[in-house]
PDB file of all heavy atoms in Angstrom:
ATOM      1  N   GLY A   1     108.836  20.654 149.218  1.00  0.00           N
ATOM      2  CA  GLY A   1     110.039  19.903 149.341  1.00  0.00           C
ATOM      3  C   GLY A   1     111.240  20.565 148.639  1.00  0.00           C
ATOM      4  O   GLY A   1     112.181  19.854 148.232  1.00  0.00           O
ATOM      5  N   ALA A   2     111.165  21.802 148.336  1.00  0.00           N
ATOM      6  CA  ALA A   2     112.238  22.473 147.623  1.00  0.00           C
ATOM      7  C   ALA A   2     112.077  23.982 147.860  1.00  0.00           C
ATOM      8  O   ALA A   2     111.111  24.484 148.323  1.00  0.00           O
ATOM      9  CB  ALA A   2     112.012  22.215 146.076  1.00  0.00           C
ATOM     10  N   GLN A   3     113.180  24.659 147.536  1.00  0.00           N
ATOM     11  CA  GLN A   3     113.161  26.120 147.747  1.00  0.00           C
ATOM     12  C   GLN A   3     113.603  26.853 146.478  1.00  0.00           C
ATOM     13  O   GLN A   3     113.891  28.100 146.485  1.00  0.00           O
ATOM     14  CB  GLN A   3     114.010  26.559 148.944  1.00  0.00           C
ATOM     15  CG  GLN A   3     115.401  25.941 148.996  1.00  0.00           C
ATOM     16  CD  GLN A   3     116.061  26.174 150.380  1.00  0.00           C
ATOM     17  OE1 GLN A   3     115.386  26.323 151.423  1.00  0.00           O
ATOM     18  NE2 GLN A   3     117.373  26.200 150.346  1.00  0.00           N
ATOM     19  N   ASN A   4     113.594  26.214 145.383  1.00  0.00           N
ATOM     20  CA  ASN A   4     114.069  26.824 144.112  1.00  0.00           C
ATOM     21  C   ASN A   4     112.916  27.467 143.331  1.00  0.00           C
ATOM     22  O   ASN A   4     112.679  27.238 142.115  1.00  0.00           O
ATOM     23  CB  ASN A   4     114.749  25.761 143.217  1.00  0.00           C
ATOM     24  CG  ASN A   4     113.931  24.567 142.879  1.00  0.00           C
ATOM     25  OD1 ASN A   4     113.200  24.019 143.688  1.00  0.00           O
ATOM     26  ND2 ASN A   4     114.073  24.063 141.621  1.00  0.00           N
ATOM     27  N   PHE A   5     112.140  28.281 144.085  1.00  0.00           N
ATOM     28  CA  PHE A   5     111.132  29.127 143.475  1.00  0.00           C
ATOM     29  C   PHE A   5     111.453  30.578 143.714  1.00  0.00           C
ATOM     30  O   PHE A   5     112.082  30.881 144.773  1.00  0.00           O
ATOM     31  CB  PHE A   5     109.718  28.780 144.012  1.00  0.00           C
ATOM     32  CG  PHE A   5     109.639  28.791 145.480  1.00  0.00           C
ATOM     33  CD1 PHE A   5     109.426  30.053 146.188  1.00  0.00           C
ATOM     34  CD2 PHE A   5     109.802  27.713 146.273  1.00  0.00           C
ATOM     35  CE1 PHE A   5     109.326  30.122 147.530  1.00  0.00           C
ATOM     36  CE2 PHE A   5     109.679  27.751 147.636  1.00  0.00           C
ATOM     37  CZ  PHE A   5     109.492  28.942 148.291  1.00  0.00           C
ATOM     38  N   ALA A   6     111.055  31.399 142.758  1.00  0.00           N
ATOM     39  CA  ALA A   6     111.373  32.878 142.928  1.00  0.00           C
ATOM     40  C   ALA A   6     110.515  33.417 144.051  1.00  0.00           C
ATOM     41  O   ALA A   6     109.356  32.979 144.268  1.00  0.00           O
ATOM     42  CB  ALA A   6     111.123  33.599 141.627  1.00  0.00           C
ATOM     43  N   ARG A   7     111.053  34.422 144.725  1.00  0.00           N
ATOM     44  CA  ARG A   7     110.275  35.145 145.754  1.00  0.00           C
ATOM     45  C   ARG A   7     110.596  36.584 145.692  1.00  0.00           C
ATOM     46  O   ARG A   7     111.691  37.060 145.439  1.00  0.00           O
ATOM     47  CB  ARG A   7     110.504  34.546 147.122  1.00  0.00           C
ATOM     48  CG  ARG A   7     111.786  34.709 147.826  1.00  0.00           C
ATOM     49  CD  ARG A   7     112.926  33.843 147.504  1.00  0.00           C
ATOM     50  NE  ARG A   7     112.627  32.390 147.318  1.00  0.00           N
ATOM     51  CZ  ARG A   7     112.680  31.517 148.225  1.00  0.00           C
ATOM     52  NH1 ARG A   7     112.933  31.841 149.456  1.00  0.00           N
ATOM     53  NH2 ARG A   7     112.433  30.271 147.909  1.00  0.00           N
ATOM     54  N   LEU A   8     109.554  37.396 145.921  1.00  0.00           N
ATOM     55  CA  LEU A   8     109.658  38.832 145.982  1.00  0.00           C
ATOM     56  C   LEU A   8     109.183  39.273 147.372  1.00  0.00           C
ATOM     57  O   LEU A   8     108.073  39.042 147.737  1.00  0.00           O
ATOM     58  CB  LEU A   8     108.803  39.488 144.915  1.00  0.00           C
ATOM     59  CG  LEU A   8     108.711  41.026 144.894  1.00  0.00           C
ATOM     60  CD1 LEU A   8     110.073  41.642 144.697  1.00  0.00           C
ATOM     61  CD2 LEU A   8     107.685  41.511 143.900  1.00  0.00           C
ATOM     62  N   ARG A   9     110.169  39.832 148.125  1.00  0.00           N
ATOM     63  CA  ARG A   9     109.844  40.308 149.472  1.00  0.00           C
ATOM     64  C   ARG A   9     109.676  41.786 149.464  1.00  0.00           C
ATOM     65  O   ARG A   9     110.518  42.472 148.881  1.00  0.00           O
ATOM     66  CB  ARG A   9     111.007  39.808 150.441  1.00  0.00           C
ATOM     67  CG  ARG A   9     111.010  38.351 150.605  1.00  0.00           C
ATOM     68  CD  ARG A   9     112.176  37.973 151.552  1.00  0.00           C
ATOM     69  NE  ARG A   9     112.044  36.534 151.846  1.00  0.00           N
ATOM     70  CZ  ARG A   9     112.685  35.967 152.906  1.00  0.00           C
ATOM     71  NH1 ARG A   9     113.385  36.687 153.664  1.00  0.00           N
ATOM     72  NH2 ARG A   9     112.594  34.747 153.105  1.00  0.00           N
ATOM     73  N   LEU A  10     108.704  42.194 150.242  1.00  0.00           N
ATOM     74  CA  LEU A  10     108.443  43.642 150.402  1.00  0.00           C
ATOM     75  C   LEU A  10     108.762  44.069 151.864  1.00  0.00           C
ATOM     76  O   LEU A  10     108.189  43.462 152.745  1.00  0.00           O
ATOM     77  CB  LEU A  10     106.978  43.949 150.117  1.00  0.00           C
ATOM     78  CG  LEU A  10     106.567  43.984 148.547  1.00  0.00           C
ATOM     79  CD1 LEU A  10     106.599  42.517 148.014  1.00  0.00           C
ATOM     80  CD2 LEU A  10     105.302  44.616 148.415  1.00  0.00           C
ATOM     81  N   GLY A  11     109.583  45.043 151.967  1.00  0.00           N
ATOM     82  CA  GLY A  11     109.962  45.570 153.260  1.00  0.00           C
ATOM     83  C   GLY A  11     108.846  46.280 153.969  1.00  0.00           C
ATOM     84  O   GLY A  11     108.290  47.213 153.413  1.00  0.00           O
ATOM     85  N   ILE A  12     108.531  45.789 155.175  1.00  0.00           N
ATOM     86  CA  ILE A  12     107.420  46.436 155.905  1.00  0.00           C
ATOM     87  C   ILE A  12     107.996  47.165 157.129  1.00  0.00           C
ATOM     88  O   ILE A  12     107.250  47.636 157.990  1.00  0.00           O
ATOM     89  CB  ILE A  12     106.418  45.360 156.392  1.00  0.00           C
ATOM     90  CG1 ILE A  12     107.032  44.275 157.247  1.00  0.00           C
ATOM     91  CG2 ILE A  12     105.665  44.803 155.200  1.00  0.00           C
ATOM     92  CD1 ILE A  12     106.036  43.388 157.927  1.00  0.00           C
ATOM     93  N   GLY A  13     109.304  47.277 157.165  1.00  0.00           N
ATOM     94  CA  GLY A  13     109.985  48.045 158.312  1.00  0.00           C
ATOM     95  C   GLY A  13     110.338  47.098 159.388  1.00  0.00           C
ATOM     96  O   GLY A  13     109.806  45.995 159.499  1.00  0.00           O
ATOM     97  N   GLU A  14     111.276  47.526 160.216  1.00  0.00           N
ATOM     98  CA  GLU A  14     111.792  46.717 161.301  1.00  0.00           C
ATOM     99  C   GLU A  14     110.765  46.659 162.399  1.00  0.00           C
ATOM    100  O   GLU A  14     110.011  47.604 162.639  1.00  0.00           O
ATOM    101  CB  GLU A  14     113.097  47.275 161.791  1.00  0.00           C
ATOM    102  CG  GLU A  14     114.181  47.202 160.756  1.00  0.00           C
ATOM    103  CD  GLU A  14     115.523  47.685 161.216  1.00  0.00           C
ATOM    104  OE1 GLU A  14     115.850  47.604 162.417  1.00  0.00           O
ATOM    105  OE2 GLU A  14     116.207  48.285 160.349  1.00  0.00           O
ATOM    106  N   VAL A  15     110.753  45.569 163.103  1.00  0.00           N
ATOM    107  CA  VAL A  15     109.797  45.329 164.189  1.00  0.00           C
ATOM    108  C   VAL A  15     109.924  46.398 165.237  1.00  0.00           C
ATOM    109  O   VAL A  15     110.979  46.687 165.780  1.00  0.00           O
ATOM    110  CB  VAL A  15     110.110  43.920 164.838  1.00  0.00           C
ATOM    111  CG1 VAL A  15     109.144  43.728 166.029  1.00  0.00           C
ATOM    112  CG2 VAL A  15     109.865  42.860 163.888  1.00  0.00           C
ATOM    113  N   THR A  16     108.733  46.961 165.602  1.00  0.00           N
ATOM    114  CA  THR A  16     108.683  48.001 166.590  1.00  0.00           C
ATOM    115  C   THR A  16     107.741  47.585 167.776  1.00  0.00           C
ATOM    116  O   THR A  16     107.545  48.353 168.693  1.00  0.00           O
ATOM    117  CB  THR A  16     108.097  49.324 166.025  1.00  0.00           C
ATOM    118  OG1 THR A  16     106.828  49.075 165.464  1.00  0.00           O
ATOM    119  CG2 THR A  16     109.094  49.885 164.965  1.00  0.00           C
ATOM    120  N   ALA A  17     107.204  46.376 167.715  1.00  0.00           N
ATOM    121  CA  ALA A  17     106.343  45.850 168.753  1.00  0.00           C
ATOM    122  C   ALA A  17     107.161  44.927 169.659  1.00  0.00           C
ATOM    123  O   ALA A  17     108.263  44.490 169.286  1.00  0.00           O
ATOM    124  CB  ALA A  17     105.159  45.123 168.147  1.00  0.00           C
ATOM    125  N   ALA A  18     106.508  44.558 170.726  1.00  0.00           N
ATOM    126  CA  ALA A  18     107.206  43.629 171.672  1.00  0.00           C
ATOM    127  C   ALA A  18     107.531  42.267 171.031  1.00  0.00           C
ATOM    128  O   ALA A  18     108.495  41.676 171.400  1.00  0.00           O
ATOM    129  CB  ALA A  18     106.349  43.432 172.953  1.00  0.00           C
ATOM    130  N   ASN A  19     106.642  41.819 170.111  1.00  0.00           N
ATOM    131  CA  ASN A  19     106.900  40.566 169.414  1.00  0.00           C
ATOM    132  C   ASN A  19     106.534  40.753 167.950  1.00  0.00           C
ATOM    133  O   ASN A  19     105.813  41.631 167.513  1.00  0.00           O
ATOM    134  CB  ASN A  19     106.222  39.443 170.059  1.00  0.00           C
ATOM    135  CG  ASN A  19     104.702  39.398 169.887  1.00  0.00           C
ATOM    136  OD1 ASN A  19     104.246  39.502 168.767  1.00  0.00           O
ATOM    137  ND2 ASN A  19     103.952  39.346 170.990  1.00  0.00           N
ATOM    138  N   ASN A  20     107.122  39.855 167.127  1.00  0.00           N
ATOM    139  CA  ASN A  20     107.015  39.945 165.667  1.00  0.00           C
ATOM    140  C   ASN A  20     105.551  39.827 165.261  1.00  0.00           C
ATOM    141  O   ASN A  20     105.081  40.523 164.347  1.00  0.00           O
ATOM    142  CB  ASN A  20     107.821  38.784 165.053  1.00  0.00           C
ATOM    143  CG  ASN A  20     109.245  38.909 165.255  1.00  0.00           C
ATOM    144  OD1 ASN A  20     109.782  39.890 165.821  1.00  0.00           O
ATOM    145  ND2 ASN A  20     109.984  37.845 164.951  1.00  0.00           N
ATOM    146  N   ALA A  21     104.746  38.948 165.919  1.00  0.00           N
ATOM    147  CA  ALA A  21     103.337  38.714 165.488  1.00  0.00           C
ATOM    148  C   ALA A  21     102.531  39.964 165.615  1.00  0.00           C
ATOM    149  O   ALA A  21     101.739  40.316 164.769  1.00  0.00           O
ATOM    150  CB  ALA A  21     102.789  37.556 166.353  1.00  0.00           C
ATOM    151  N   ASP A  22     102.732  40.683 166.718  1.00  0.00           N
ATOM    152  CA  ASP A  22     101.999  41.927 166.934  1.00  0.00           C
ATOM    153  C   ASP A  22     102.339  42.946 165.834  1.00  0.00           C
ATOM    154  O   ASP A  22     101.479  43.596 165.331  1.00  0.00           O
ATOM    155  CB  ASP A  22     102.303  42.548 168.292  1.00  0.00           C
ATOM    156  CG  ASP A  22     101.648  41.788 169.467  1.00  0.00           C
ATOM    157  OD1 ASP A  22     100.760  41.031 169.207  1.00  0.00           O
ATOM    158  OD2 ASP A  22     102.128  41.968 170.591  1.00  0.00           O
ATOM    159  N   TYR A  23     103.590  43.005 165.474  1.00  0.00           N
ATOM    160  CA  TYR A  23     103.962  43.949 164.482  1.00  0.00           C
ATOM    161  C   TYR A  23     103.487  43.626 163.088  1.00  0.00           C
ATOM    162  O   TYR A  23     102.942  44.483 162.434  1.00  0.00           O
ATOM    163  CB  TYR A  23     105.539  44.071 164.425  1.00  0.00           C
ATOM    164  CG  TYR A  23     106.037  45.057 163.391  1.00  0.00           C
ATOM    165  CD1 TYR A  23     105.847  46.380 163.675  1.00  0.00           C
ATOM    166  CD2 TYR A  23     106.617  44.717 162.208  1.00  0.00           C
ATOM    167  CE1 TYR A  23     106.247  47.403 162.759  1.00  0.00           C
ATOM    168  CE2 TYR A  23     107.033  45.646 161.326  1.00  0.00           C
ATOM    169  CZ  TYR A  23     106.857  46.993 161.589  1.00  0.00           C
ATOM    170  OH  TYR A  23     107.230  47.918 160.659  1.00  0.00           O
ATOM    171  N   VAL A  24     103.639  42.384 162.612  1.00  0.00           N
ATOM    172  CA  VAL A  24     103.213  42.052 161.303  1.00  0.00           C
ATOM    173  C   VAL A  24     101.667  42.103 161.161  1.00  0.00           C
ATOM    174  O   VAL A  24     101.178  42.246 160.021  1.00  0.00           O
ATOM    175  CB  VAL A  24     103.781  40.669 160.780  1.00  0.00           C
ATOM    176  CG1 VAL A  24     105.291  40.715 160.792  1.00  0.00           C
ATOM    177  CG2 VAL A  24     103.235  39.495 161.555  1.00  0.00           C
TER     178      VAL A  24
END
């Protein structure tokens, strides 16, 4: 119920598959 937590995102590269699910 909140978004005030820290987050660290790691770049995995831009989507190269037909859809996001296949890529990730």
